């Protein structure tokens, strides 16, 4: 019986990472993989009982169990995100580096799927990443051009795709309503933001805690201020996975500091404004280069929106392009997995 070790930042109430997990499980199910998925987790997650494969949980921080899982595996898959980066913490980078390093020593095939690299605050992180990329049995499909161009100077077994997080939505039915979905992560001038939102007098505001552990208090404060200063309806921050998806799918406008709420907004044809950081720009511009609706601070959000309106940017077309690229990336992922498993 074949075993796949699927590694990611899963189970931490982070919408984007759990979206990637669900999409990869969907891919394995569509491939009719009938073996075992070994999944390192710290927190409990609920899974469908209808998959073609079994899921076995590996204690995420039990070094002995992780090494055992690597040795038992026929394939080690790093399943989405910027796992190899030191911006969050060097300790986080070392966790994934050590798994890749042990897998290489055990002569296992490694796949980097829907991955990007960086940002790096320490040069030693880049050196260790280059060491992993040199491994001859490492293959991958990356999600942004910068990571692809960097990595292919070292390893030619890599190709370019897109972030496949929204793949799980392909059968999702939705209808647009007068809603604005907002995900706040960064520090914002809430007075200014509320002033802008008040121009949409008939809209409901949905605040999304994309990372439930980090975003919820900031969004609670935002909702309280909206309710005190306007007559707009503003729901309490949402952190349930299914409910977040429902709100984004129904919203006509999405304003997001985080990547995967923007990607979901684009997938569901919403007018989507995105916080301007390196990761967000790389991943979204890899869908379509002419997307330019990035804001760096609260002051830029209204201007960003009016630029979008003045340009008559076609988000239905952007969504169609993204869906086509997701389908091609998933096809390439399935083909790659079949060739090495």
C-alpha atoms as a PDB file:
ATOM      1  CA  UNK A   1       0.000   0.000   0.000  1.00  0.00           C
ATOM      2  CA  UNK A   2       1.417   3.346  -1.082  1.00  0.00           C
ATOM      3  CA  UNK A   3       1.900   6.103   1.483  1.00  0.00           C
ATOM      4  CA  UNK A   4       2.186   9.846   0.879  1.00  0.00           C
ATOM      5  CA  UNK A   5       3.426  12.265   3.523  1.00  0.00           C
ATOM      6  CA  UNK A   6       1.523  15.528   2.948  1.00  0.00           C
ATOM      7  CA  UNK A   7       3.215  18.463   4.689  1.00  0.00           C
ATOM      8  CA  UNK A   8       1.805  21.949   5.227  1.00  0.00           C
ATOM      9  CA  UNK A   9       0.743  24.536   7.776  1.00  0.00           C
ATOM     10  CA  UNK A  10      -2.543  22.756   8.327  1.00  0.00           C
ATOM     11  CA  UNK A  11      -4.975  22.769  11.231  1.00  0.00           C
ATOM     12  CA  UNK A  12      -4.243  26.221  12.683  1.00  0.00           C
ATOM     13  CA  UNK A  13      -7.562  27.856  11.745  1.00  0.00           C
ATOM     14  CA  UNK A  14      -5.928  29.526   8.774  1.00  0.00           C
ATOM     15  CA  UNK A  15      -8.414  29.639   5.909  1.00  0.00           C
ATOM     16  CA  UNK A  16      -5.797  29.682   3.153  1.00  0.00           C
ATOM     17  CA  UNK A  17      -3.766  26.717   4.366  1.00  0.00           C
ATOM     18  CA  UNK A  18      -6.845  24.620   5.083  1.00  0.00           C
ATOM     19  CA  UNK A  19      -8.157  25.559   1.633  1.00  0.00           C
ATOM     20  CA  UNK A  20      -4.963  24.139   0.140  1.00  0.00           C
ATOM     21  CA  UNK A  21      -5.297  20.994   2.245  1.00  0.00           C
ATOM     22  CA  UNK A  22      -8.867  20.394   1.051  1.00  0.00           C
ATOM     23  CA  UNK A  23      -7.846  20.958  -2.566  1.00  0.00           C
ATOM     24  CA  UNK A  24      -4.988  18.459  -2.331  1.00  0.00           C
ATOM     25  CA  UNK A  25      -7.251  15.870  -0.715  1.00  0.00           C
ATOM     26  CA  UNK A  26      -9.705  16.441  -3.574  1.00  0.00           C
ATOM     27  CA  UNK A  27      -6.893  15.861  -6.076  1.00  0.00           C
ATOM     28  CA  UNK A  28      -5.824  12.578  -4.450  1.00  0.00           C
ATOM     29  CA  UNK A  29      -9.467  11.476  -4.360  1.00  0.00           C
ATOM     30  CA  UNK A  30      -9.977  12.282  -8.053  1.00  0.00           C
ATOM     31  CA  UNK A  31      -6.839  10.281  -8.827  1.00  0.00           C
ATOM     32  CA  UNK A  32      -8.457   7.362  -6.954  1.00  0.00           C
ATOM     33  CA  UNK A  33      -5.401   7.072  -4.762  1.00  0.00           C
ATOM     34  CA  UNK A  34      -6.185   4.093  -2.525  1.00  0.00           C
ATOM     35  CA  UNK A  35      -3.264   4.183  -0.115  1.00  0.00           C
ATOM     36  CA  UNK A  36      -2.580   6.238   3.003  1.00  0.00           C
ATOM     37  CA  UNK A  37      -2.103   9.995   3.433  1.00  0.00           C
ATOM     38  CA  UNK A  38       0.182  10.667   6.404  1.00  0.00           C
ATOM     39  CA  UNK A  39      -0.697  14.111   7.711  1.00  0.00           C
ATOM     40  CA  UNK A  40       1.351  15.943  10.379  1.00  0.00           C
ATOM     41  CA  UNK A  41      -1.089  17.844  12.612  1.00  0.00           C
ATOM     42  CA  UNK A  42      -1.039  19.429  16.040  1.00  0.00           C
ATOM     43  CA  UNK A  43      -4.773  20.161  16.236  1.00  0.00           C
ATOM     44  CA  UNK A  44      -7.724  17.946  15.416  1.00  0.00           C
ATOM     45  CA  UNK A  45      -9.440  18.294  12.025  1.00  0.00           C
ATOM     46  CA  UNK A  46     -12.574  16.684  10.641  1.00  0.00           C
ATOM     47  CA  UNK A  47     -12.316  14.863   7.307  1.00  0.00           C
ATOM     48  CA  UNK A  48     -14.776  13.308   4.887  1.00  0.00           C
ATOM     49  CA  UNK A  49     -15.214   9.556   5.294  1.00  0.00           C
ATOM     50  CA  UNK A  50     -15.802   9.164   1.546  1.00  0.00           C
ATOM     51  CA  UNK A  51     -12.227   9.559   0.310  1.00  0.00           C
ATOM     52  CA  UNK A  52     -10.645   6.716  -1.655  1.00  0.00           C
ATOM     53  CA  UNK A  53      -7.693   6.766   0.762  1.00  0.00           C
ATOM     54  CA  UNK A  54      -7.111   6.588   4.503  1.00  0.00           C
ATOM     55  CA  UNK A  55      -5.785   9.534   6.489  1.00  0.00           C
ATOM     56  CA  UNK A  56      -3.408   8.827   9.358  1.00  0.00           C
ATOM     57  CA  UNK A  57      -2.449  11.677  11.671  1.00  0.00           C
ATOM     58  CA  UNK A  58       1.207  12.101  12.601  1.00  0.00           C
ATOM     59  CA  UNK A  59       2.016  14.242  15.686  1.00  0.00           C
ATOM     60  CA  UNK A  60       3.396  17.389  14.070  1.00  0.00           C
ATOM     61  CA  UNK A  61       6.170  18.077  16.581  1.00  0.00           C
ATOM     62  CA  UNK A  62       7.115  14.508  17.476  1.00  0.00           C
ATOM     63  CA  UNK A  63      10.489  14.160  15.774  1.00  0.00           C
ATOM     64  CA  UNK A  64      10.533  10.371  16.100  1.00  0.00           C
ATOM     65  CA  UNK A  65       7.083  10.011  14.504  1.00  0.00           C
ATOM     66  CA  UNK A  66       7.916  12.465  11.720  1.00  0.00           C
ATOM     67  CA  UNK A  67      11.107  10.550  10.836  1.00  0.00           C
ATOM     68  CA  UNK A  68       9.172   7.291  10.948  1.00  0.00           C
ATOM     69  CA  UNK A  69       6.531   8.736   8.620  1.00  0.00           C
ATOM     70  CA  UNK A  70       9.208   9.889   6.170  1.00  0.00           C
ATOM     71  CA  UNK A  71      10.800   6.424   6.132  1.00  0.00           C
ATOM     72  CA  UNK A  72       7.412   4.770   5.567  1.00  0.00           C
ATOM     73  CA  UNK A  73       6.421   7.144   2.770  1.00  0.00           C
ATOM     74  CA  UNK A  74       6.740   6.498  -0.932  1.00  0.00           C
ATOM     75  CA  UNK A  75       6.434  10.219  -1.614  1.00  0.00           C
ATOM     76  CA  UNK A  76       6.860  13.430   0.401  1.00  0.00           C
ATOM     77  CA  UNK A  77       4.624  16.305  -0.752  1.00  0.00           C
ATOM     78  CA  UNK A  78       4.912  19.896   0.450  1.00  0.00           C
ATOM     79  CA  UNK A  79       1.339  20.963  -0.184  1.00  0.00           C
ATOM     80  CA  UNK A  80       1.018  24.645  -0.885  1.00  0.00           C
ATOM     81  CA  UNK A  81       1.977  28.026   0.536  1.00  0.00           C
ATOM     82  CA  UNK A  82       5.278  29.753   1.223  1.00  0.00           C
ATOM     83  CA  UNK A  83       6.545  27.126   3.641  1.00  0.00           C
ATOM     84  CA  UNK A  84      10.190  27.898   2.917  1.00  0.00           C
ATOM     85  CA  UNK A  85      10.488  31.455   4.269  1.00  0.00           C
ATOM     86  CA  UNK A  86      11.891  33.182   7.327  1.00  0.00           C
ATOM     87  CA  UNK A  87       9.583  36.211   7.415  1.00  0.00           C
ATOM     88  CA  UNK A  88       7.276  34.464   9.898  1.00  0.00           C
ATOM     89  CA  UNK A  89      10.144  32.867  11.811  1.00  0.00           C
ATOM     90  CA  UNK A  90      13.392  31.057  11.148  1.00  0.00           C
ATOM     91  CA  UNK A  91      12.108  28.261  13.383  1.00  0.00           C
ATOM     92  CA  UNK A  92       9.195  27.680  10.999  1.00  0.00           C
ATOM     93  CA  UNK A  93      11.596  27.484   8.063  1.00  0.00           C
ATOM     94  CA  UNK A  94      13.779  24.961   9.907  1.00  0.00           C
ATOM     95  CA  UNK A  95      10.783  22.698  10.541  1.00  0.00           C
ATOM     96  CA  UNK A  96      10.121  22.240   6.811  1.00  0.00           C
ATOM     97  CA  UNK A  97      13.804  22.246   5.929  1.00  0.00           C
ATOM     98  CA  UNK A  98      14.472  19.396   8.356  1.00  0.00           C
ATOM     99  CA  UNK A  99      11.646  17.311   6.872  1.00  0.00           C
ATOM    100  CA  UNK A 100      13.018  17.874   3.361  1.00  0.00           C
ATOM    101  CA  UNK A 101      16.575  17.151   4.528  1.00  0.00           C
ATOM    102  CA  UNK A 102      15.614  13.857   6.189  1.00  0.00           C
ATOM    103  CA  UNK A 103      13.555  12.878   3.127  1.00  0.00           C
ATOM    104  CA  UNK A 104      16.585  13.525   0.900  1.00  0.00           C
ATOM    105  CA  UNK A 105      18.842  11.444   3.167  1.00  0.00           C
ATOM    106  CA  UNK A 106      16.276   8.634   2.965  1.00  0.00           C
ATOM    107  CA  UNK A 107      16.347   8.942  -0.854  1.00  0.00           C
ATOM    108  CA  UNK A 108      12.627   9.813  -1.027  1.00  0.00           C
ATOM    109  CA  UNK A 109      11.044  11.657  -3.917  1.00  0.00           C
ATOM    110  CA  UNK A 110      10.019  15.189  -2.874  1.00  0.00           C
ATOM    111  CA  UNK A 111       7.343  17.279  -4.552  1.00  0.00           C
ATOM    112  CA  UNK A 112       6.894  21.025  -4.003  1.00  0.00           C
ATOM    113  CA  UNK A 113       3.331  21.728  -5.154  1.00  0.00           C
ATOM    114  CA  UNK A 114       1.613  25.141  -5.296  1.00  0.00           C
ATOM    115  CA  UNK A 115       4.673  26.490  -3.489  1.00  0.00           C
ATOM    116  CA  UNK A 116       6.408  29.845  -3.407  1.00  0.00           C
ATOM    117  CA  UNK A 117       9.621  30.855  -1.630  1.00  0.00           C
ATOM    118  CA  UNK A 118      10.441  33.728   0.707  1.00  0.00           C
ATOM    119  CA  UNK A 119      10.567  36.290   1.963  1.00  0.00           C
ATOM    120  CA  UNK A 120      13.886  35.716   3.745  1.00  0.00           C
ATOM    121  CA  UNK A 121      15.281  37.806   6.564  1.00  0.00           C
ATOM    122  CA  UNK A 122      18.368  35.634   6.944  1.00  0.00           C
ATOM    123  CA  UNK A 123      20.820  34.575   4.248  1.00  0.00           C
ATOM    124  CA  UNK A 124      21.345  31.202   5.892  1.00  0.00           C
ATOM    125  CA  UNK A 125      17.721  30.386   5.073  1.00  0.00           C
ATOM    126  CA  UNK A 126      18.385  30.985   1.369  1.00  0.00           C
ATOM    127  CA  UNK A 127      21.519  28.807   1.520  1.00  0.00           C
ATOM    128  CA  UNK A 128      19.579  25.949   3.092  1.00  0.00           C
ATOM    129  CA  UNK A 129      16.808  26.296   0.508  1.00  0.00           C
ATOM    130  CA  UNK A 130      19.362  26.082  -2.311  1.00  0.00           C
ATOM    131  CA  UNK A 131      20.704  22.912  -0.719  1.00  0.00           C
ATOM    132  CA  UNK A 132      17.237  21.344  -0.808  1.00  0.00           C
ATOM    133  CA  UNK A 133      16.634  22.491  -4.393  1.00  0.00           C
ATOM    134  CA  UNK A 134      19.857  20.768  -5.470  1.00  0.00           C
ATOM    135  CA  UNK A 135      18.397  17.380  -4.523  1.00  0.00           C
ATOM    136  CA  UNK A 136      18.012  15.421  -7.818  1.00  0.00           C
ATOM    137  CA  UNK A 137      14.779  13.665  -6.773  1.00  0.00           C
ATOM    138  CA  UNK A 138      12.983  16.930  -6.066  1.00  0.00           C
ATOM    139  CA  UNK A 139      10.259  18.007  -8.488  1.00  0.00           C
ATOM    140  CA  UNK A 140       7.630  20.694  -8.298  1.00  0.00           C
ATOM    141  CA  UNK A 141       5.020  23.046  -9.682  1.00  0.00           C
ATOM    142  CA  UNK A 142       5.436  26.532  -8.231  1.00  0.00           C
ATOM    143  CA  UNK A 143       2.838  29.284  -7.864  1.00  0.00           C
ATOM    144  CA  UNK A 144       4.710  32.463  -8.821  1.00  0.00           C
ATOM    145  CA  UNK A 145       7.222  33.475 -11.476  1.00  0.00           C
ATOM    146  CA  UNK A 146       9.827  34.896  -9.078  1.00  0.00           C
ATOM    147  CA  UNK A 147      10.090  31.629  -7.142  1.00  0.00           C
ATOM    148  CA  UNK A 148      10.128  29.683 -10.407  1.00  0.00           C
ATOM    149  CA  UNK A 149      12.912  31.767 -11.954  1.00  0.00           C
ATOM    150  CA  UNK A 150      14.973  31.523  -8.760  1.00  0.00           C
ATOM    151  CA  UNK A 151      14.517  27.764  -8.361  1.00  0.00           C
ATOM    152  CA  UNK A 152      15.046  26.725 -11.982  1.00  0.00           C
ATOM    153  CA  UNK A 153      18.553  28.169 -11.897  1.00  0.00           C
ATOM    154  CA  UNK A 154      19.267  25.323  -9.489  1.00  0.00           C
ATOM    155  CA  UNK A 155      16.796  22.579 -10.423  1.00  0.00           C
ATOM    156  CA  UNK A 156      15.264  22.013 -13.872  1.00  0.00           C
ATOM    157  CA  UNK A 157      12.624  19.580 -12.551  1.00  0.00           C
ATOM    158  CA  UNK A 158      10.297  22.467 -11.732  1.00  0.00           C
ATOM    159  CA  UNK A 159       7.471  24.092 -13.677  1.00  0.00           C
ATOM    160  CA  UNK A 160       5.189  27.095 -13.207  1.00  0.00           C
ATOM    161  CA  UNK A 161       1.517  26.904 -12.245  1.00  0.00           C
ATOM    162  CA  UNK A 162      -0.797  28.941 -10.027  1.00  0.00           C
ATOM    163  CA  UNK A 163      -2.031  28.696  -6.454  1.00  0.00           C
ATOM    164  CA  UNK A 164      -4.625  25.899  -6.459  1.00  0.00           C
ATOM    165  CA  UNK A 165      -6.345  26.755  -3.156  1.00  0.00           C
ATOM    166  CA  UNK A 166      -9.720  27.549  -4.795  1.00  0.00           C
ATOM    167  CA  UNK A 167      -9.769  24.226  -6.714  1.00  0.00           C
ATOM    168  CA  UNK A 168     -12.124  22.861  -4.082  1.00  0.00           C
ATOM    169  CA  UNK A 169     -14.725  25.485  -5.190  1.00  0.00           C
ATOM    170  CA  UNK A 170     -15.260  24.251  -8.749  1.00  0.00           C
ATOM    171  CA  UNK A 171     -18.683  22.760  -7.996  1.00  0.00           C
ATOM    172  CA  UNK A 172     -19.716  25.609  -5.671  1.00  0.00           C
ATOM    173  CA  UNK A 173     -22.943  27.398  -6.626  1.00  0.00           C
ATOM    174  CA  UNK A 174     -23.215  31.074  -5.683  1.00  0.00           C
ATOM    175  CA  UNK A 175     -25.300  34.191  -6.219  1.00  0.00           C
ATOM    176  CA  UNK A 176     -24.038  37.744  -5.734  1.00  0.00           C
ATOM    177  CA  UNK A 177     -25.703  40.038  -3.198  1.00  0.00           C
ATOM    178  CA  UNK A 178     -25.011  43.569  -1.911  1.00  0.00           C
ATOM    179  CA  UNK A 179     -22.176  42.561   0.406  1.00  0.00           C
ATOM    180  CA  UNK A 180     -18.614  43.696   0.953  1.00  0.00           C
ATOM    181  CA  UNK A 181     -16.281  41.090   2.434  1.00  0.00           C
ATOM    182  CA  UNK A 182     -13.304  42.511   4.342  1.00  0.00           C
ATOM    183  CA  UNK A 183     -10.300  40.768   5.833  1.00  0.00           C
ATOM    184  CA  UNK A 184      -8.177  42.955   8.106  1.00  0.00           C
ATOM    185  CA  UNK A 185      -4.727  41.856   9.196  1.00  0.00           C
ATOM    186  CA  UNK A 186      -2.618  45.017   8.984  1.00  0.00           C
ATOM    187  CA  UNK A 187      -2.994  48.228  11.009  1.00  0.00           C
ATOM    188  CA  UNK A 188      -5.630  50.449   9.435  1.00  0.00           C
ATOM    189  CA  UNK A 189      -7.153  53.868   9.963  1.00  0.00           C
ATOM    190  CA  UNK A 190     -10.603  52.514  10.821  1.00  0.00           C
ATOM    191  CA  UNK A 191     -12.228  55.951  10.730  1.00  0.00           C
ATOM    192  CA  UNK A 192     -11.066  56.455   7.159  1.00  0.00           C
ATOM    193  CA  UNK A 193     -12.066  52.939   6.117  1.00  0.00           C
ATOM    194  CA  UNK A 194     -15.546  53.334   7.614  1.00  0.00           C
ATOM    195  CA  UNK A 195     -15.938  56.676   5.862  1.00  0.00           C
ATOM    196  CA  UNK A 196     -15.225  54.981   2.532  1.00  0.00           C
ATOM    197  CA  UNK A 197     -17.538  52.035   3.254  1.00  0.00           C
ATOM    198  CA  UNK A 198     -20.391  54.344   4.256  1.00  0.00           C
ATOM    199  CA  UNK A 199     -20.683  55.369   0.606  1.00  0.00           C
ATOM    200  CA  UNK A 200     -22.089  51.861  -0.009  1.00  0.00           C
ATOM    201  CA  UNK A 201     -25.184  52.581   2.066  1.00  0.00           C
ATOM    202  CA  UNK A 202     -27.220  49.549   1.014  1.00  0.00           C
ATOM    203  CA  UNK A 203     -24.419  47.024   1.444  1.00  0.00           C
ATOM    204  CA  UNK A 204     -23.828  44.605   4.320  1.00  0.00           C
ATOM    205  CA  UNK A 205     -20.283  44.382   5.663  1.00  0.00           C
ATOM    206  CA  UNK A 206     -18.882  40.898   6.324  1.00  0.00           C
ATOM    207  CA  UNK A 207     -15.602  40.779   8.243  1.00  0.00           C
ATOM    208  CA  UNK A 208     -13.500  37.662   7.795  1.00  0.00           C
ATOM    209  CA  UNK A 209     -11.019  36.260  10.322  1.00  0.00           C
ATOM    210  CA  UNK A 210      -8.949  34.398   7.727  1.00  0.00           C
ATOM    211  CA  UNK A 211      -6.440  33.516  10.417  1.00  0.00           C
ATOM    212  CA  UNK A 212      -8.780  33.018  13.380  1.00  0.00           C
ATOM    213  CA  UNK A 213      -5.945  33.158  15.907  1.00  0.00           C
ATOM    214  CA  UNK A 214      -4.603  36.506  14.657  1.00  0.00           C
ATOM    215  CA  UNK A 215      -7.406  38.434  12.945  1.00  0.00           C
ATOM    216  CA  UNK A 216     -10.456  38.106  15.140  1.00  0.00           C
ATOM    217  CA  UNK A 217      -9.886  40.910  17.686  1.00  0.00           C
ATOM    218  CA  UNK A 218      -8.914  43.454  15.028  1.00  0.00           C
ATOM    219  CA  UNK A 219     -12.097  42.651  13.108  1.00  0.00           C
ATOM    220  CA  UNK A 220     -14.277  42.779  16.249  1.00  0.00           C
ATOM    221  CA  UNK A 221     -13.014  46.309  16.888  1.00  0.00           C
ATOM    222  CA  UNK A 222     -13.787  47.236  13.296  1.00  0.00           C
ATOM    223  CA  UNK A 223     -17.371  45.896  13.505  1.00  0.00           C
ATOM    224  CA  UNK A 224     -18.028  47.754  16.765  1.00  0.00           C
ATOM    225  CA  UNK A 225     -16.923  51.035  15.194  1.00  0.00           C
ATOM    226  CA  UNK A 226     -19.071  50.492  12.105  1.00  0.00           C
ATOM    227  CA  UNK A 227     -22.123  49.849  14.270  1.00  0.00           C
ATOM    228  CA  UNK A 228     -21.496  52.933  16.406  1.00  0.00           C
ATOM    229  CA  UNK A 229     -20.781  55.338  13.570  1.00  0.00           C
ATOM    230  CA  UNK A 230     -23.071  54.187  10.756  1.00  0.00           C
ATOM    231  CA  UNK A 231     -26.414  52.554  10.082  1.00  0.00           C
ATOM    232  CA  UNK A 232     -24.764  49.876   7.979  1.00  0.00           C
ATOM    233  CA  UNK A 233     -25.296  46.247   8.847  1.00  0.00           C
ATOM    234  CA  UNK A 234     -22.022  44.616   9.902  1.00  0.00           C
ATOM    235  CA  UNK A 235     -21.917  40.976  10.967  1.00  0.00           C
ATOM    236  CA  UNK A 236     -19.600  39.777  13.707  1.00  0.00           C
ATOM    237  CA  UNK A 237     -16.256  38.451  12.426  1.00  0.00           C
ATOM    238  CA  UNK A 238     -16.560  35.091  10.692  1.00  0.00           C
ATOM    239  CA  UNK A 239     -13.962  32.376  11.239  1.00  0.00           C
ATOM    240  CA  UNK A 240     -15.846  29.227  10.201  1.00  0.00           C
ATOM    241  CA  UNK A 241     -14.358  27.811   6.978  1.00  0.00           C
ATOM    242  CA  UNK A 242     -17.655  27.169   5.180  1.00  0.00           C
ATOM    243  CA  UNK A 243     -19.152  30.500   6.232  1.00  0.00           C
ATOM    244  CA  UNK A 244     -16.094  32.445   5.035  1.00  0.00           C
ATOM    245  CA  UNK A 245     -16.440  30.801   1.630  1.00  0.00           C
ATOM    246  CA  UNK A 246     -20.155  31.605   1.515  1.00  0.00           C
ATOM    247  CA  UNK A 247     -19.561  35.277   2.339  1.00  0.00           C
ATOM    248  CA  UNK A 248     -16.815  35.711  -0.255  1.00  0.00           C
ATOM    249  CA  UNK A 249     -18.867  33.916  -2.910  1.00  0.00           C
ATOM    250  CA  UNK A 250     -21.851  36.196  -2.314  1.00  0.00           C
ATOM    251  CA  UNK A 251     -19.903  39.455  -2.037  1.00  0.00           C
ATOM    252  CA  UNK A 252     -19.673  41.903  -4.920  1.00  0.00           C
ATOM    253  CA  UNK A 253     -16.566  43.542  -3.416  1.00  0.00           C
ATOM    254  CA  UNK A 254     -13.694  41.924  -1.501  1.00  0.00           C
ATOM    255  CA  UNK A 255     -11.062  43.970   0.350  1.00  0.00           C
ATOM    256  CA  UNK A 256      -8.375  41.684   1.701  1.00  0.00           C
ATOM    257  CA  UNK A 257      -5.103  41.981   3.556  1.00  0.00           C
ATOM    258  CA  UNK A 258      -4.582  38.221   3.158  1.00  0.00           C
ATOM    259  CA  UNK A 259      -3.816  36.228   0.031  1.00  0.00           C
ATOM    260  CA  UNK A 260      -6.395  33.459  -0.086  1.00  0.00           C
ATOM    261  CA  UNK A 261      -9.408  35.640   0.620  1.00  0.00           C
ATOM    262  CA  UNK A 262      -8.276  37.684  -2.404  1.00  0.00           C
ATOM    263  CA  UNK A 263      -7.807  34.545  -4.500  1.00  0.00           C
ATOM    264  CA  UNK A 264     -11.273  33.348  -3.478  1.00  0.00           C
ATOM    265  CA  UNK A 265     -12.661  36.800  -4.344  1.00  0.00           C
ATOM    266  CA  UNK A 266     -11.100  36.600  -7.803  1.00  0.00           C
ATOM    267  CA  UNK A 267     -12.369  33.040  -8.277  1.00  0.00           C
ATOM    268  CA  UNK A 268     -15.908  34.142  -7.385  1.00  0.00           C
ATOM    269  CA  UNK A 269     -15.770  37.168  -9.749  1.00  0.00           C
ATOM    270  CA  UNK A 270     -15.813  39.846  -7.027  1.00  0.00           C
ATOM    271  CA  UNK A 271     -14.230  43.261  -7.471  1.00  0.00           C
ATOM    272  CA  UNK A 272     -11.162  42.420  -5.413  1.00  0.00           C
ATOM    273  CA  UNK A 273      -8.689  44.798  -3.736  1.00  0.00           C
ATOM    274  CA  UNK A 274      -5.551  43.265  -2.247  1.00  0.00           C
ATOM    275  CA  UNK A 275      -2.959  44.360   0.290  1.00  0.00           C
ATOM    276  CA  UNK A 276       0.330  45.181  -1.402  1.00  0.00           C
ATOM    277  CA  UNK A 277       3.043  42.856  -0.167  1.00  0.00           C
ATOM    278  CA  UNK A 278       5.576  40.732  -2.038  1.00  0.00           C
ATOM    279  CA  UNK A 279       3.755  37.410  -1.697  1.00  0.00           C
ATOM    280  CA  UNK A 280       0.356  38.787  -2.731  1.00  0.00           C
ATOM    281  CA  UNK A 281       1.765  40.621  -5.766  1.00  0.00           C
ATOM    282  CA  UNK A 282       3.740  37.616  -6.977  1.00  0.00           C
ATOM    283  CA  UNK A 283       0.897  35.131  -6.711  1.00  0.00           C
ATOM    284  CA  UNK A 284      -1.884  37.330  -8.130  1.00  0.00           C
ATOM    285  CA  UNK A 285       0.129  38.864 -10.973  1.00  0.00           C
ATOM    286  CA  UNK A 286       1.028  35.309 -11.972  1.00  0.00           C
ATOM    287  CA  UNK A 287      -2.678  34.846 -12.744  1.00  0.00           C
ATOM    288  CA  UNK A 288      -2.831  37.958 -14.948  1.00  0.00           C
ATOM    289  CA  UNK A 289      -0.110  40.576 -15.139  1.00  0.00           C
ATOM    290  CA  UNK A 290      -2.454  43.528 -15.603  1.00  0.00           C
ATOM    291  CA  UNK A 291      -4.134  43.116 -12.199  1.00  0.00           C
ATOM    292  CA  UNK A 292      -2.988  46.229 -10.324  1.00  0.00           C
ATOM    293  CA  UNK A 293      -5.498  46.819  -7.524  1.00  0.00           C
ATOM    294  CA  UNK A 294      -3.099  46.702  -4.596  1.00  0.00           C
ATOM    295  CA  UNK A 295      -3.191  49.051  -1.601  1.00  0.00           C
ATOM    296  CA  UNK A 296      -0.388  49.638   0.899  1.00  0.00           C
ATOM    297  CA  UNK A 297      -2.392  51.584   3.474  1.00  0.00           C
ATOM    298  CA  UNK A 298      -5.987  52.568   4.256  1.00  0.00           C
ATOM    299  CA  UNK A 299      -5.688  55.878   2.396  1.00  0.00           C
ATOM    300  CA  UNK A 300      -5.049  54.006  -0.864  1.00  0.00           C
ATOM    301  CA  UNK A 301      -8.156  51.760  -0.649  1.00  0.00           C
ATOM    302  CA  UNK A 302     -10.684  54.296  -2.047  1.00  0.00           C
ATOM    303  CA  UNK A 303      -8.307  55.310  -4.855  1.00  0.00           C
ATOM    304  CA  UNK A 304      -7.682  51.649  -5.632  1.00  0.00           C
ATOM    305  CA  UNK A 305     -11.427  51.039  -5.853  1.00  0.00           C
ATOM    306  CA  UNK A 306     -12.102  54.054  -8.064  1.00  0.00           C
ATOM    307  CA  UNK A 307      -9.244  53.047 -10.370  1.00  0.00           C
ATOM    308  CA  UNK A 308     -10.917  49.663 -10.660  1.00  0.00           C
ATOM    309  CA  UNK A 309     -14.257  51.256 -11.545  1.00  0.00           C
ATOM    310  CA  UNK A 310     -12.766  53.792 -13.992  1.00  0.00           C
ATOM    311  CA  UNK A 311     -10.804  51.087 -15.790  1.00  0.00           C
ATOM    312  CA  UNK A 312     -13.900  48.861 -16.082  1.00  0.00           C
ATOM    313  CA  UNK A 313     -11.653  45.953 -15.219  1.00  0.00           C
ATOM    314  CA  UNK A 314     -13.292  42.636 -16.164  1.00  0.00           C
ATOM    315  CA  UNK A 315     -13.257  40.404 -13.098  1.00  0.00           C
ATOM    316  CA  UNK A 316     -15.369  37.747 -14.808  1.00  0.00           C
ATOM    317  CA  UNK A 317     -12.627  37.415 -17.387  1.00  0.00           C
ATOM    318  CA  UNK A 318      -9.974  37.350 -14.645  1.00  0.00           C
ATOM    319  CA  UNK A 319     -11.930  34.600 -12.875  1.00  0.00           C
ATOM    320  CA  UNK A 320     -12.199  32.569 -16.092  1.00  0.00           C
ATOM    321  CA  UNK A 321      -8.448  32.885 -16.701  1.00  0.00           C
ATOM    322  CA  UNK A 322      -7.711  31.852 -13.114  1.00  0.00           C
ATOM    323  CA  UNK A 323     -10.013  28.831 -13.348  1.00  0.00           C
ATOM    324  CA  UNK A 324      -8.353  27.712 -16.587  1.00  0.00           C
ATOM    325  CA  UNK A 325      -4.915  28.033 -15.002  1.00  0.00           C
ATOM    326  CA  UNK A 326      -6.013  26.152 -11.880  1.00  0.00           C
ATOM    327  CA  UNK A 327      -7.344  23.301 -14.014  1.00  0.00           C
ATOM    328  CA  UNK A 328      -4.110  23.126 -16.007  1.00  0.00           C
ATOM    329  CA  UNK A 329      -2.021  23.231 -12.811  1.00  0.00           C
ATOM    330  CA  UNK A 330      -4.108  20.448 -11.251  1.00  0.00           C
ATOM    331  CA  UNK A 331      -3.741  18.371 -14.434  1.00  0.00           C
ATOM    332  CA  UNK A 332       0.035  18.847 -14.275  1.00  0.00           C
ATOM    333  CA  UNK A 333       0.069  17.970 -10.547  1.00  0.00           C
ATOM    334  CA  UNK A 334      -1.822  14.731 -11.168  1.00  0.00           C
ATOM    335  CA  UNK A 335       0.467  13.847 -14.044  1.00  0.00           C
ATOM    336  CA  UNK A 336       3.561  14.543 -11.929  1.00  0.00           C
ATOM    337  CA  UNK A 337       2.316  12.494  -8.972  1.00  0.00           C
ATOM    338  CA  UNK A 338       1.473   9.561 -11.238  1.00  0.00           C
ATOM    339  CA  UNK A 339       4.925   9.684 -12.831  1.00  0.00           C
ATOM    340  CA  UNK A 340       6.807   9.466  -9.514  1.00  0.00           C
ATOM    341  CA  UNK A 341       4.529   7.328  -7.364  1.00  0.00           C
END
